[in-house]
Amino acid sequence: MLDERAEEQLLKVLRTVAPGTPLREGLEHILRSESGALIVIADQPEVLEIAEGGFHVNADFSPAKLYELAKMDGAIIVDKDSRRILVANTQLVPDLGIPSNETGIRHRTAERVARQTDALVISISERRGVISIYKGAMKYVLRDLEVIFTKANQALQTLEKYRTVLDRVLVSLSITEFEDTVTLFEVCKVIQRVVMTLRVVKEIEKYICELGTEGRLITMQLEELVSNVENEGLMVIRDYNVNPDEKPHRQILSIVESWPSEDLLDLPLIARVLGYSGGSAILEQNVSPRGYRVLGKIPRLPYPVVENLVMTFGTLSQVLNASLEELDEVEGIGETRARSIKDGLSRYWNQLLQERYR
């Protein structure tokens, strides 16, 4: 699994060569003509220093020009914004001491140039009809759009199942919060499911970047499925984080997201990241939420008011048991808002009961 920085770099590269961009149109022209090409998307001095000979074109970029210039044997250098073609039919001479796992001359050169200059290098194989992209030590082979569509739709189906499970464990957590019977098991299960869902989201985002303008429908489906998932996870962490000043809730989520899959299955490990200690029975510990997540469900309740409620009462249980007069005394809450808080919590509880017996 790629780390976060490498994942962001890959997504940026995929957007550069995505369908709908002039660069991708030019690459498709070359691919359909069953000819090869070596294209460097960079204009830094390190690239120009290893380029020998060729023609200094310095012309506006267009897919047709890229296709015509690719008919020559040498490499093509395009500026980093893919707006101008700088050099054509040039010979790239990277450091031969740089290791390469490629076998073909064109791909070997592409890999070495990418490693040496950190430029985006595109190699098109005329025999295999494959577009390979290199950036630093990263290599990625572009796939046929039909294959990506199939994989994206499969991932969406998986995401839908994950979201259903996540919603179920969130309902279970909310019910135990109202009943003040929460254990670390319910808390850690929600965090685990949030991270598992977000991982599928990242996979689909990669497909969307690769699909470019062809991925609009996938984007719409994704947005509908993942609304508020990350925020739910952050609010759960905020409710149960033992040392929020030392380890903020967003940092904890990032830590859990960085784990390999086998660690994510270890619920006691999640509990320890939240700041809890204990042996094999750690998940059986009873805990009380501060109330950020549930109070956030009340319509038109500003976040500063939620903060004041948590600071005043300490736990959700105390808020639930507070009288109208006690709520009215909290800064930012008058008699009208106190009643709306009571009504909002009551409506949410009834909604949870309907979900429980559905």
Foldseek 3Di string as FASTA:
>chain_A
DDFPVVLVVLLVVLLLCAPPDQNVLLVVLQLVVLAKAKEWAADDPLFVVQWADFDQDFAFAGSVVSNVLRVADAHWYAYNNRGTTGGGRIHGDADPVDDDPDDDPRVRSQQRSQQRPQIWMWIAHSVVSWIWIGGRNDIDIQDDLVVLVVVLVVLLVVLQVLLVVLVVLVLVQVLCQQVQFAFLLSLLVNLLSLLVSVVSLSVNSSSCSNNDPNCPVSVVSSCVSCPCSVVLNLQSLVFQQPCCPVAPSVNLSSVLNRDDPVVSVVSVVSVVSSPDDDDPCRRNDRDFTLCQNVLVQQPPDDSVLSVQSSVVQVGPNSLQPDDLVRSCPGPPHHSVNSVSSNVRSVVVNVVSVVVVVD
